[in-house]
PDB file of all heavy atoms in Angstrom:
ATOM      1  N   ALA A   1       0.832  -1.202   0.000  1.00  0.00           N
ATOM      2  CA  ALA A   1       0.000   0.000   0.000  1.00  0.00           C
ATOM      3  C   ALA A   1       0.868   1.253   0.000  1.00  0.00           C
ATOM      4  O   ALA A   1       0.562   2.229  -0.699  1.00  0.00           O
ATOM      5  CB  ALA A   1      -0.943  -0.009   1.198  1.00  0.00           C
ATOM      6  N   GLN A   2       1.959   1.249   0.774  1.00  0.00           N
ATOM      7  CA  GLN A   2       2.856   2.406   0.811  1.00  0.00           C
ATOM      8  C   GLN A   2       3.518   2.621  -0.551  1.00  0.00           C
ATOM      9  O   GLN A   2       3.639   3.748  -1.020  1.00  0.00           O
ATOM     10  CB  GLN A   2       3.918   2.226   1.890  1.00  0.00           C
ATOM     11  CG  GLN A   2       3.365   2.358   3.293  1.00  0.00           C
ATOM     12  CD  GLN A   2       4.365   1.955   4.368  1.00  0.00           C
ATOM     13  OE1 GLN A   2       5.282   1.156   4.122  1.00  0.00           O
ATOM     14  NE2 GLN A   2       4.176   2.489   5.566  1.00  0.00           N
ATOM     15  N   LYS A   3       3.927   1.519  -1.192  1.00  0.00           N
ATOM     16  CA  LYS A   3       4.545   1.613  -2.510  1.00  0.00           C
ATOM     17  C   LYS A   3       3.542   2.185  -3.506  1.00  0.00           C
ATOM     18  O   LYS A   3       3.881   3.053  -4.311  1.00  0.00           O
ATOM     19  CB  LYS A   3       5.039   0.245  -2.973  1.00  0.00           C
ATOM     20  CG  LYS A   3       5.717   0.272  -4.319  1.00  0.00           C
ATOM     21  CD  LYS A   3       6.196  -1.108  -4.735  1.00  0.00           C
ATOM     22  CE  LYS A   3       6.808  -1.041  -6.125  1.00  0.00           C
ATOM     23  NZ  LYS A   3       7.099  -2.342  -6.659  1.00  0.00           N
ATOM     24  N   MET A   4       2.313   1.702  -3.435  1.00  0.00           N
ATOM     25  CA  MET A   4       1.279   2.190  -4.340  1.00  0.00           C
ATOM     26  C   MET A   4       1.025   3.673  -4.100  1.00  0.00           C
ATOM     27  O   MET A   4       0.866   4.444  -5.045  1.00  0.00           O
ATOM     28  CB  MET A   4      -0.015   1.398  -4.172  1.00  0.00           C
ATOM     29  CG  MET A   4      -1.096   1.812  -5.158  1.00  0.00           C
ATOM     30  SD  MET A   4      -2.653   0.960  -4.918  1.00  0.00           S
ATOM     31  CE  MET A   4      -2.174  -0.740  -5.030  1.00  0.00           C
ATOM     32  N   GLN A   5       1.005   4.079  -2.855  1.00  0.00           N
ATOM     33  CA  GLN A   5       0.779   5.482  -2.515  1.00  0.00           C
ATOM     34  C   GLN A   5       1.887   6.356  -3.110  1.00  0.00           C
ATOM     35  O   GLN A   5       1.619   7.431  -3.642  1.00  0.00           O
ATOM     36  CB  GLN A   5       0.721   5.637  -0.999  1.00  0.00           C
ATOM     37  CG  GLN A   5       0.245   6.975  -0.528  1.00  0.00           C
ATOM     38  CD  GLN A   5       0.067   7.005   0.983  1.00  0.00           C
ATOM     39  OE1 GLN A   5       0.670   6.218   1.721  1.00  0.00           O
ATOM     40  NE2 GLN A   5      -0.770   7.915   1.451  1.00  0.00           N
ATOM     41  N   GLU A   6       3.131   5.891  -3.047  1.00  0.00           N
ATOM     42  CA  GLU A   6       4.249   6.628  -3.632  1.00  0.00           C
ATOM     43  C   GLU A   6       4.105   6.709  -5.150  1.00  0.00           C
ATOM     44  O   GLU A   6       4.329   7.764  -5.747  1.00  0.00           O
ATOM     45  CB  GLU A   6       5.578   5.952  -3.272  1.00  0.00           C
ATOM     46  CG  GLU A   6       5.949   6.081  -1.811  1.00  0.00           C
ATOM     47  CD  GLU A   6       7.136   5.204  -1.413  1.00  0.00           C
ATOM     48  OE1 GLU A   6       7.776   4.603  -2.312  1.00  0.00           O
ATOM     49  OE2 GLU A   6       7.410   5.108  -0.205  1.00  0.00           O
ATOM     50  N   GLN A   7       3.707   5.585  -5.770  1.00  0.00           N
ATOM     51  CA  GLN A   7       3.524   5.580  -7.218  1.00  0.00           C
ATOM     52  C   GLN A   7       2.415   6.540  -7.636  1.00  0.00           C
ATOM     53  O   GLN A   7       2.537   7.249  -8.634  1.00  0.00           O
ATOM     54  CB  GLN A   7       3.179   4.163  -7.713  1.00  0.00           C
ATOM     55  CG  GLN A   7       4.325   3.188  -7.631  1.00  0.00           C
ATOM     56  CD  GLN A   7       3.890   1.772  -7.983  1.00  0.00           C
ATOM     57  OE1 GLN A   7       2.795   1.348  -7.629  1.00  0.00           O
ATOM     58  NE2 GLN A   7       4.753   1.051  -8.681  1.00  0.00           N
ATOM     59  N   ILE A   8       1.350   6.574  -6.862  1.00  0.00           N
ATOM     60  CA  ILE A   8       0.227   7.458  -7.168  1.00  0.00           C
ATOM     61  C   ILE A   8       0.676   8.915  -7.063  1.00  0.00           C
ATOM     62  O   ILE A   8       0.353   9.732  -7.928  1.00  0.00           O
ATOM     63  CB  ILE A   8      -0.969   7.169  -6.241  1.00  0.00           C
ATOM     64  CG1 ILE A   8      -1.608   5.830  -6.623  1.00  0.00           C
ATOM     65  CG2 ILE A   8      -1.994   8.293  -6.296  1.00  0.00           C
ATOM     66  CD1 ILE A   8      -2.639   5.327  -5.629  1.00  0.00           C
ATOM     67  N   ALA A   9       1.435   9.253  -6.036  1.00  0.00           N
ATOM     68  CA  ALA A   9       1.907  10.633  -5.859  1.00  0.00           C
ATOM     69  C   ALA A   9       2.814  11.048  -7.019  1.00  0.00           C
ATOM     70  O   ALA A   9       2.683  12.157  -7.557  1.00  0.00           O
ATOM     71  CB  ALA A   9       2.635  10.775  -4.525  1.00  0.00           C
ATOM     72  N   GLU A  10       3.714  10.153  -7.433  1.00  0.00           N
ATOM     73  CA  GLU A  10       4.608  10.451  -8.553  1.00  0.00           C
ATOM     74  C   GLU A  10       3.813  10.628  -9.848  1.00  0.00           C
ATOM     75  O   GLU A  10       4.051  11.565 -10.615  1.00  0.00           O
ATOM     76  CB  GLU A  10       5.631   9.330  -8.732  1.00  0.00           C
ATOM     77  CG  GLU A  10       6.674   9.264  -7.644  1.00  0.00           C
ATOM     78  CD  GLU A  10       7.567   8.031  -7.755  1.00  0.00           C
ATOM     79  OE1 GLU A  10       7.527   7.341  -8.796  1.00  0.00           O
ATOM     80  OE2 GLU A  10       8.297   7.752  -6.789  1.00  0.00           O
ATOM     81  N   LEU A  11       2.868   9.731 -10.072  1.00  0.00           N
ATOM     82  CA  LEU A  11       2.053   9.812 -11.280  1.00  0.00           C
ATOM     83  C   LEU A  11       1.214  11.083 -11.288  1.00  0.00           C
ATOM     84  O   LEU A  11       1.095  11.748 -12.314  1.00  0.00           O
ATOM     85  CB  LEU A  11       1.155   8.580 -11.406  1.00  0.00           C
ATOM     86  CG  LEU A  11       0.231   8.557 -12.624  1.00  0.00           C
ATOM     87  CD1 LEU A  11       1.020   8.628 -13.926  1.00  0.00           C
ATOM     88  CD2 LEU A  11      -0.632   7.302 -12.596  1.00  0.00           C
ATOM     89  N   GLN A  12       0.665  11.461 -10.135  1.00  0.00           N
ATOM     90  CA  GLN A  12      -0.155  12.671 -10.075  1.00  0.00           C
ATOM     91  C   GLN A  12       0.666  13.897 -10.436  1.00  0.00           C
ATOM     92  O   GLN A  12       0.193  14.778 -11.156  1.00  0.00           O
ATOM     93  CB  GLN A  12      -0.793  12.835  -8.691  1.00  0.00           C
ATOM     94  CG  GLN A  12      -1.835  13.929  -8.653  1.00  0.00           C
ATOM     95  CD  GLN A  12      -2.996  13.667  -9.594  1.00  0.00           C
ATOM     96  OE1 GLN A  12      -3.661  12.652  -9.485  1.00  0.00           O
ATOM     97  NE2 GLN A  12      -3.235  14.572 -10.530  1.00  0.00           N
ATOM     98  N   GLU A  13       1.903  13.955  -9.968  1.00  0.00           N
ATOM     99  CA  GLU A  13       2.781  15.070 -10.337  1.00  0.00           C
ATOM    100  C   GLU A  13       2.998  15.119 -11.840  1.00  0.00           C
ATOM    101  O   GLU A  13       2.947  16.176 -12.461  1.00  0.00           O
ATOM    102  CB  GLU A  13       4.132  14.943  -9.625  1.00  0.00           C
ATOM    103  CG  GLU A  13       4.130  15.413  -8.199  1.00  0.00           C
ATOM    104  CD  GLU A  13       5.518  15.381  -7.586  1.00  0.00           C
ATOM    105  OE1 GLU A  13       6.477  15.823  -8.251  1.00  0.00           O
ATOM    106  OE2 GLU A  13       5.637  14.906  -6.449  1.00  0.00           O
ATOM    107  N   GLU A  14       3.257  13.942 -12.417  1.00  0.00           N
ATOM    108  CA  GLU A  14       3.476  13.858 -13.863  1.00  0.00           C
ATOM    109  C   GLU A  14       2.217  14.277 -14.628  1.00  0.00           C
ATOM    110  O   GLU A  14       2.279  15.037 -15.595  1.00  0.00           O
ATOM    111  CB  GLU A  14       3.859  12.430 -14.250  1.00  0.00           C
ATOM    112  CG  GLU A  14       4.052  12.236 -15.744  1.00  0.00           C
ATOM    113  CD  GLU A  14       4.211  10.779 -16.130  1.00  0.00           C
ATOM    114  OE1 GLU A  14       4.850  10.012 -15.377  1.00  0.00           O
ATOM    115  OE2 GLU A  14       3.669  10.409 -17.188  1.00  0.00           O
ATOM    116  N   LEU A  15       1.060  13.786 -14.195  1.00  0.00           N
ATOM    117  CA  LEU A  15      -0.191  14.116 -14.872  1.00  0.00           C
ATOM    118  C   LEU A  15      -0.510  15.604 -14.759  1.00  0.00           C
ATOM    119  O   LEU A  15      -0.999  16.212 -15.717  1.00  0.00           O
ATOM    120  CB  LEU A  15      -1.340  13.280 -14.310  1.00  0.00           C
ATOM    121  CG  LEU A  15      -1.276  11.790 -14.612  1.00  0.00           C
ATOM    122  CD1 LEU A  15      -2.361  11.044 -13.831  1.00  0.00           C
ATOM    123  CD2 LEU A  15      -1.394  11.515 -16.098  1.00  0.00           C
ATOM    124  N   ASP A  16      -0.243  16.200 -13.600  1.00  0.00           N
ATOM    125  CA  ASP A  16      -0.494  17.629 -13.412  1.00  0.00           C
ATOM    126  C   ASP A  16       0.362  18.478 -14.354  1.00  0.00           C
ATOM    127  O   ASP A  16      -0.052  19.549 -14.798  1.00  0.00           O
ATOM    128  CB  ASP A  16      -0.217  18.048 -11.961  1.00  0.00           C
ATOM    129  CG  ASP A  16      -1.293  17.570 -10.996  1.00  0.00           C
ATOM    130  OD1 ASP A  16      -2.354  17.100 -11.446  1.00  0.00           O
ATOM    131  OD2 ASP A  16      -1.055  17.667  -9.774  1.00  0.00           O
ATOM    132  N   ALA A  17       1.570  18.003 -14.665  1.00  0.00           N
ATOM    133  CA  ALA A  17       2.492  18.755 -15.505  1.00  0.00           C
ATOM    134  C   ALA A  17       2.198  18.607 -17.002  1.00  0.00           C
ATOM    135  O   ALA A  17       2.658  19.422 -17.808  1.00  0.00           O
ATOM    136  CB  ALA A  17       3.928  18.316 -15.219  1.00  0.00           C
ATOM    137  N   ARG A  18       1.444  17.603 -17.387  1.00  0.00           N
ATOM    138  CA  ARG A  18       1.146  17.392 -18.809  1.00  0.00           C
ATOM    139  C   ARG A  18       0.328  18.540 -19.374  1.00  0.00           C
ATOM    140  O   ARG A  18      -0.453  19.162 -18.680  1.00  0.00           O
ATOM    141  CB  ARG A  18       0.359  16.098 -19.010  1.00  0.00           C
ATOM    142  CG  ARG A  18       1.193  14.865 -18.876  1.00  0.00           C
ATOM    143  CD  ARG A  18       0.398  13.642 -19.287  1.00  0.00           C
ATOM    144  NE  ARG A  18       1.156  12.437 -18.973  1.00  0.00           N
ATOM    145  CZ  ARG A  18       0.718  11.217 -19.209  1.00  0.00           C
ATOM    146  NH1 ARG A  18      -0.467  11.023 -19.753  1.00  0.00           N
ATOM    147  NH2 ARG A  18       1.461  10.175 -18.898  1.00  0.00           N
ATOM    148  N   GLU A  19       0.534  18.776 -20.675  1.00  0.00           N
ATOM    149  CA  GLU A  19      -0.275  19.771 -21.370  1.00  0.00           C
ATOM    150  C   GLU A  19      -0.967  19.106 -22.545  1.00  0.00           C
ATOM    151  O   GLU A  19      -0.415  18.212 -23.183  1.00  0.00           O
ATOM    152  CB  GLU A  19       0.581  20.947 -21.829  1.00  0.00           C
ATOM    153  CG  GLU A  19       1.031  21.805 -20.666  1.00  0.00           C
ATOM    154  CD  GLU A  19       1.506  23.192 -21.081  1.00  0.00           C
ATOM    155  OE1 GLU A  19       1.415  23.552 -22.268  1.00  0.00           O
ATOM    156  OE2 GLU A  19       1.965  23.909 -20.189  1.00  0.00           O
ATOM    157  N   TYR A  20      -2.175  19.558 -22.815  1.00  0.00           N
ATOM    158  CA  TYR A  20      -3.002  19.012 -23.883  1.00  0.00           C
ATOM    159  C   TYR A  20      -3.427  20.157 -24.787  1.00  0.00           C
ATOM    160  O   TYR A  20      -3.633  21.275 -24.332  1.00  0.00           O
ATOM    161  CB  TYR A  20      -4.255  18.341 -23.310  1.00  0.00           C
ATOM    162  CG  TYR A  20      -3.958  17.266 -22.279  1.00  0.00           C
ATOM    163  CD1 TYR A  20      -3.765  17.601 -20.944  1.00  0.00           C
ATOM    164  CD2 TYR A  20      -3.870  15.931 -22.652  1.00  0.00           C
ATOM    165  CE1 TYR A  20      -3.494  16.623 -20.001  1.00  0.00           C
ATOM    166  CE2 TYR A  20      -3.597  14.943 -21.709  1.00  0.00           C
ATOM    167  CZ  TYR A  20      -3.413  15.303 -20.385  1.00  0.00           C
ATOM    168  OH  TYR A  20      -3.144  14.325 -19.459  1.00  0.00           O
ATOM    169  N   GLU A  21      -3.571  19.840 -26.070  1.00  0.00           N
ATOM    170  CA  GLU A  21      -4.044  20.821 -27.035  1.00  0.00           C
ATOM    171  C   GLU A  21      -5.296  20.259 -27.692  1.00  0.00           C
ATOM    172  O   GLU A  21      -5.268  19.178 -28.271  1.00  0.00           O
ATOM    173  CB  GLU A  21      -2.957  21.081 -28.075  1.00  0.00           C
ATOM    174  CG  GLU A  21      -3.296  22.201 -29.020  1.00  0.00           C
ATOM    175  CD  GLU A  21      -2.137  22.570 -29.927  1.00  0.00           C
ATOM    176  OE1 GLU A  21      -1.129  23.115 -29.419  1.00  0.00           O
ATOM    177  OE2 GLU A  21      -2.233  22.292 -31.130  1.00  0.00           O
ATOM    178  N   ILE A  22      -6.382  20.976 -27.583  1.00  0.00           N
ATOM    179  CA  ILE A  22      -7.682  20.538 -28.087  1.00  0.00           C
ATOM    180  C   ILE A  22      -8.158  21.534 -29.132  1.00  0.00           C
ATOM    181  O   ILE A  22      -8.124  22.745 -28.896  1.00  0.00           O
ATOM    182  CB  ILE A  22      -8.720  20.462 -26.949  1.00  0.00           C
ATOM    183  CG1 ILE A  22      -8.208  19.634 -25.765  1.00  0.00           C
ATOM    184  CG2 ILE A  22     -10.060  19.965 -27.459  1.00  0.00           C
ATOM    185  CD1 ILE A  22      -7.873  18.208 -26.066  1.00  0.00           C
ATOM    186  N   ASN A  23      -8.628  21.014 -30.264  1.00  0.00           N
ATOM    187  CA  ASN A  23      -9.186  21.860 -31.322  1.00  0.00           C
ATOM    188  C   ASN A  23     -10.695  21.686 -31.366  1.00  0.00           C
ATOM    189  O   ASN A  23     -11.200  20.590 -31.142  1.00  0.00           O
ATOM    190  CB  ASN A  23      -8.592  21.481 -32.685  1.00  0.00           C
ATOM    191  CG  ASN A  23      -7.111  21.775 -32.747  1.00  0.00           C
ATOM    192  OD1 ASN A  23      -6.688  22.900 -32.525  1.00  0.00           O
ATOM    193  ND2 ASN A  23      -6.313  20.760 -33.031  1.00  0.00           N
ATOM    194  N   ALA A  24     -11.388  22.768 -31.685  1.00  0.00           N
ATOM    195  CA  ALA A  24     -12.849  22.714 -31.813  1.00  0.00           C
ATOM    196  C   ALA A  24     -13.268  23.583 -32.990  1.00  0.00           C
ATOM    197  O   ALA A  24     -12.511  24.452 -33.438  1.00  0.00           O
ATOM    198  CB  ALA A  24     -13.518  23.197 -30.533  1.00  0.00           C
ATOM    199  N   GLY A  25     -14.471  23.331 -33.455  1.00  0.00           N
ATOM    200  CA  GLY A  25     -14.994  24.126 -34.565  1.00  0.00           C
ATOM    201  C   GLY A  25     -14.196  23.949 -35.838  1.00  0.00           C
ATOM    202  O   GLY A  25     -13.996  24.897 -36.586  1.00  0.00           O
ATOM    203  N   GLY A  26     -13.717  22.731 -36.051  1.00  0.00           N
ATOM    204  CA  GLY A  26     -12.923  22.485 -37.258  1.00  0.00           C
ATOM    205  C   GLY A  26     -11.558  23.136 -37.210  1.00  0.00           C
ATOM    206  O   GLY A  26     -10.949  23.418 -38.236  1.00  0.00           O
ATOM    207  N   GLY A  27     -11.057  23.384 -36.016  1.00  0.00           N
ATOM    208  CA  GLY A  27      -9.721  23.944 -35.857  1.00  0.00           C
ATOM    209  C   GLY A  27      -9.677  25.458 -35.724  1.00  0.00           C
ATOM    210  O   GLY A  27      -8.597  26.035 -35.650  1.00  0.00           O
ATOM    211  N   VAL A  28     -10.839  26.110 -35.665  1.00  0.00           N
ATOM    212  CA  VAL A  28     -10.835  27.574 -35.543  1.00  0.00           C
ATOM    213  C   VAL A  28     -10.561  28.034 -34.111  1.00  0.00           C
ATOM    214  O   VAL A  28     -10.211  29.185 -33.887  1.00  0.00           O
ATOM    215  CB  VAL A  28     -12.143  28.214 -36.072  1.00  0.00           C
ATOM    216  CG1 VAL A  28     -12.279  28.000 -37.570  1.00  0.00           C
ATOM    217  CG2 VAL A  28     -13.357  27.703 -35.338  1.00  0.00           C
ATOM    218  N   VAL A  29     -10.725  27.113 -33.152  1.00  0.00           N
ATOM    219  CA  VAL A  29     -10.406  27.416 -31.757  1.00  0.00           C
ATOM    220  C   VAL A  29      -9.492  26.311 -31.225  1.00  0.00           C
ATOM    221  O   VAL A  29      -9.775  25.128 -31.402  1.00  0.00           O
ATOM    222  CB  VAL A  29     -11.675  27.509 -30.885  1.00  0.00           C
ATOM    223  CG1 VAL A  29     -11.317  27.624 -29.407  1.00  0.00           C
ATOM    224  CG2 VAL A  29     -12.537  28.681 -31.308  1.00  0.00           C
ATOM    225  N   THR A  30      -8.393  26.709 -30.619  1.00  0.00           N
ATOM    226  CA  THR A  30      -7.463  25.770 -29.999  1.00  0.00           C
ATOM    227  C   THR A  30      -7.295  26.160 -28.536  1.00  0.00           C
ATOM    228  O   THR A  30      -7.004  27.315 -28.227  1.00  0.00           O
ATOM    229  CB  THR A  30      -6.091  25.791 -30.697  1.00  0.00           C
ATOM    230  OG1 THR A  30      -6.279  25.465 -32.078  1.00  0.00           O
ATOM    231  CG2 THR A  30      -5.135  24.794 -30.069  1.00  0.00           C
ATOM    232  N   VAL A  31      -7.491  25.176 -27.665  1.00  0.00           N
ATOM    233  CA  VAL A  31      -7.352  25.393 -26.230  1.00  0.00           C
ATOM    234  C   VAL A  31      -6.183  24.554 -25.730  1.00  0.00           C
ATOM    235  O   VAL A  31      -6.081  23.373 -26.067  1.00  0.00           O
ATOM    236  CB  VAL A  31      -8.642  24.990 -25.482  1.00  0.00           C
ATOM    237  CG1 VAL A  31      -8.441  25.049 -23.973  1.00  0.00           C
ATOM    238  CG2 VAL A  31      -9.802  25.862 -25.904  1.00  0.00           C
ATOM    239  N   LYS A  32      -5.322  25.171 -24.950  1.00  0.00           N
ATOM    240  CA  LYS A  32      -4.246  24.433 -24.279  1.00  0.00           C
ATOM    241  C   LYS A  32      -4.596  24.398 -22.800  1.00  0.00           C
ATOM    242  O   LYS A  32      -4.912  25.415 -22.197  1.00  0.00           O
ATOM    243  CB  LYS A  32      -2.893  25.090 -24.505  1.00  0.00           C
ATOM    244  CG  LYS A  32      -2.412  24.944 -25.930  1.00  0.00           C
ATOM    245  CD  LYS A  32      -1.029  25.490 -26.125  1.00  0.00           C
ATOM    246  CE  LYS A  32      -0.630  25.352 -27.586  1.00  0.00           C
ATOM    247  NZ  LYS A  32       0.670  25.958 -27.866  1.00  0.00           N
ATOM    248  N   ILE A  33      -4.525  23.188 -22.231  1.00  0.00           N
ATOM    249  CA  ILE A  33      -4.895  22.964 -20.833  1.00  0.00           C
ATOM    250  C   ILE A  33      -3.847  22.062 -20.203  1.00  0.00           C
ATOM    251  O   ILE A  33      -3.245  21.231 -20.890  1.00  0.00           O
ATOM    252  CB  ILE A  33      -6.314  22.334 -20.758  1.00  0.00           C
ATOM    253  CG1 ILE A  33      -6.832  22.253 -19.313  1.00  0.00           C
ATOM    254  CG2 ILE A  33      -6.352  20.979 -21.440  1.00  0.00           C
ATOM    255  CD1 ILE A  33      -8.309  21.833 -19.215  1.00  0.00           C
ATOM    256  N   ASN A  34      -3.620  22.230 -18.906  1.00  0.00           N
ATOM    257  CA  ASN A  34      -2.688  21.326 -18.236  1.00  0.00           C
ATOM    258  C   ASN A  34      -3.462  20.271 -17.455  1.00  0.00           C
ATOM    259  O   ASN A  34      -4.691  20.280 -17.417  1.00  0.00           O
ATOM    260  CB  ASN A  34      -1.690  22.088 -17.352  1.00  0.00           C
ATOM    261  CG  ASN A  34      -2.330  22.760 -16.158  1.00  0.00           C
ATOM    262  OD1 ASN A  34      -3.450  22.473 -15.748  1.00  0.00           O
ATOM    263  ND2 ASN A  34      -1.591  23.681 -15.554  1.00  0.00           N
ATOM    264  N   GLY A  35      -2.726  19.366 -16.835  1.00  0.00           N
ATOM    265  CA  GLY A  35      -3.340  18.267 -16.096  1.00  0.00           C
ATOM    266  C   GLY A  35      -4.091  18.695 -14.852  1.00  0.00           C
ATOM    267  O   GLY A  35      -4.841  17.909 -14.283  1.00  0.00           O
ATOM    268  N   LYS A  36      -3.906  19.928 -14.429  1.00  0.00           N
ATOM    269  CA  LYS A  36      -4.651  20.447 -13.285  1.00  0.00           C
ATOM    270  C   LYS A  36      -5.952  21.102 -13.737  1.00  0.00           C
ATOM    271  O   LYS A  36      -6.634  21.737 -12.948  1.00  0.00           O
ATOM    272  CB  LYS A  36      -3.816  21.488 -12.530  1.00  0.00           C
ATOM    273  CG  LYS A  36      -2.584  20.939 -11.877  1.00  0.00           C
ATOM    274  CD  LYS A  36      -1.859  22.079 -11.178  1.00  0.00           C
ATOM    275  CE  LYS A  36      -0.499  21.659 -10.695  1.00  0.00           C
ATOM    276  NZ  LYS A  36       0.221  22.787 -10.081  1.00  0.00           N
ATOM    277  N   LYS A  37      -6.254  20.997 -15.029  1.00  0.00           N
ATOM    278  CA  LYS A  37      -7.447  21.585 -15.650  1.00  0.00           C
ATOM    279  C   LYS A  37      -7.395  23.105 -15.634  1.00  0.00           C
ATOM    280  O   LYS A  37      -8.404  23.779 -15.528  1.00  0.00           O
ATOM    281  CB  LYS A  37      -8.731  21.077 -14.996  1.00  0.00           C
ATOM    282  CG  LYS A  37      -8.895  19.579 -15.071  1.00  0.00           C
ATOM    283  CD  LYS A  37     -10.159  19.139 -14.389  1.00  0.00           C
ATOM    284  CE  LYS A  37     -10.151  17.630 -14.214  1.00  0.00           C
ATOM    285  NZ  LYS A  37     -11.267  17.188 -13.379  1.00  0.00           N
ATOM    286  N   GLU A  38      -6.179  23.646 -15.757  1.00  0.00           N
ATOM    287  CA  GLU A  38      -6.002  25.084 -15.861  1.00  0.00           C
ATOM    288  C   GLU A  38      -5.809  25.422 -17.339  1.00  0.00           C
ATOM    289  O   GLU A  38      -4.937  24.860 -17.999  1.00  0.00           O
ATOM    290  CB  GLU A  38      -4.769  25.539 -15.072  1.00  0.00           C
ATOM    291  CG  GLU A  38      -4.869  25.267 -13.592  1.00  0.00           C
ATOM    292  CD  GLU A  38      -3.554  25.470 -12.856  1.00  0.00           C
ATOM    293  OE1 GLU A  38      -2.470  25.344 -13.469  1.00  0.00           O
ATOM    294  OE2 GLU A  38      -3.617  25.735 -11.642  1.00  0.00           O
ATOM    295  N   ILE A  39      -6.622  26.316 -17.854  1.00  0.00           N
ATOM    296  CA  ILE A  39      -6.500  26.742 -19.242  1.00  0.00           C
ATOM    297  C   ILE A  39      -5.225  27.581 -19.359  1.00  0.00           C
ATOM    298  O   ILE A  39      -5.051  28.564 -18.641  1.00  0.00           O
ATOM    299  CB  ILE A  39      -7.729  27.561 -19.697  1.00  0.00           C
ATOM    300  CG1 ILE A  39      -9.018  26.761 -19.514  1.00  0.00           C
ATOM    301  CG2 ILE A  39      -7.554  28.041 -21.134  1.00  0.00           C
ATOM    302  CD1 ILE A  39      -9.132  25.509 -20.328  1.00  0.00           C
ATOM    303  N   LYS A  40      -4.340  27.176 -20.250  1.00  0.00           N
ATOM    304  CA  LYS A  40      -3.072  27.877 -20.419  1.00  0.00           C
ATOM    305  C   LYS A  40      -3.142  28.912 -21.538  1.00  0.00           C
ATOM    306  O   LYS A  40      -2.531  29.961 -21.448  1.00  0.00           O
ATOM    307  CB  LYS A  40      -1.933  26.889 -20.705  1.00  0.00           C
ATOM    308  CG  LYS A  40      -1.749  25.819 -19.622  1.00  0.00           C
ATOM    309  CD  LYS A  40      -1.653  26.379 -18.238  1.00  0.00           C
ATOM    310  CE  LYS A  40      -0.270  26.759 -17.850  1.00  0.00           C
ATOM    311  NZ  LYS A  40      -0.169  27.329 -16.503  1.00  0.00           N
ATOM    312  N   SER A  41      -3.892  28.591 -22.601  1.00  0.00           N
ATOM    313  CA  SER A  41      -4.045  29.558 -23.681  1.00  0.00           C
ATOM    314  C   SER A  41      -5.243  29.185 -24.551  1.00  0.00           C
ATOM    315  O   SER A  41      -5.697  28.044 -24.549  1.00  0.00           O
ATOM    316  CB  SER A  41      -2.783  29.640 -24.544  1.00  0.00           C
ATOM    317  OG  SER A  41      -2.607  28.442 -25.277  1.00  0.00           O
ATOM    318  N   ILE A  42      -5.728  30.183 -25.265  1.00  0.00           N
ATOM    319  CA  ILE A  42      -6.819  30.006 -26.215  1.00  0.00           C
ATOM    320  C   ILE A  42      -6.402  30.729 -27.491  1.00  0.00           C
ATOM    321  O   ILE A  42      -6.023  31.901 -27.451  1.00  0.00           O
ATOM    322  CB  ILE A  42      -8.137  30.628 -25.696  1.00  0.00           C
ATOM    323  CG1 ILE A  42      -8.536  30.029 -24.357  1.00  0.00           C
ATOM    324  CG2 ILE A  42      -9.253  30.437 -26.726  1.00  0.00           C
ATOM    325  CD1 ILE A  42      -9.638  30.798 -23.655  1.00  0.00           C
ATOM    326  N   ASP A  43      -6.456  30.002 -28.609  1.00  0.00           N
ATOM    327  CA  ASP A  43      -6.156  30.605 -29.905  1.00  0.00           C
ATOM    328  C   ASP A  43      -7.439  30.590 -30.728  1.00  0.00           C
ATOM    329  O   ASP A  43      -8.040  29.529 -30.921  1.00  0.00           O
ATOM    330  CB  ASP A  43      -5.048  29.814 -30.611  1.00  0.00           C
ATOM    331  CG  ASP A  43      -4.697  30.416 -31.952  1.00  0.00           C
ATOM    332  OD1 ASP A  43      -4.499  31.645 -32.023  1.00  0.00           O
ATOM    333  OD2 ASP A  43      -4.633  29.653 -32.951  1.00  0.00           O
ATOM    334  N   ILE A  44      -7.854  31.771 -31.171  1.00  0.00           N
ATOM    335  CA  ILE A  44      -9.086  31.915 -31.946  1.00  0.00           C
ATOM    336  C   ILE A  44      -8.716  32.465 -33.317  1.00  0.00           C
ATOM    337  O   ILE A  44      -8.120  33.546 -33.417  1.00  0.00           O
ATOM    338  CB  ILE A  44     -10.081  32.858 -31.241  1.00  0.00           C
ATOM    339  CG1 ILE A  44     -10.405  32.328 -29.837  1.00  0.00           C
ATOM    340  CG2 ILE A  44     -11.347  33.018 -32.075  1.00  0.00           C
ATOM    341  CD1 ILE A  44     -11.196  33.297 -28.974  1.00  0.00           C
ATOM    342  N   LYS A  45      -9.073  31.731 -34.362  1.00  0.00           N
ATOM    343  CA  LYS A  45      -8.795  32.190 -35.728  1.00  0.00           C
ATOM    344  C   LYS A  45      -9.719  33.367 -36.052  1.00  0.00           C
ATOM    345  O   LYS A  45     -10.905  33.359 -35.706  1.00  0.00           O
ATOM    346  CB  LYS A  45      -9.033  31.064 -36.734  1.00  0.00           C
ATOM    347  CG  LYS A  45      -8.227  29.818 -36.476  1.00  0.00           C
ATOM    348  CD  LYS A  45      -6.880  29.926 -37.095  1.00  0.00           C
ATOM    349  CE  LYS A  45      -6.221  28.552 -36.997  1.00  0.00           C
ATOM    350  NZ  LYS A  45      -4.876  28.563 -36.671  1.00  0.00           N
TER     351      LYS A  45
END
């Protein structure tokens, strides 16, 4: 259980640091978000 708890904490840090890029409206809007669900940027054509 302790090992699993350590693995979960490490993974959560990694997941929080990830960034995702999502396109909508056929690519006219691009949203960048991190693993903490914080919007990092919005690009609007």
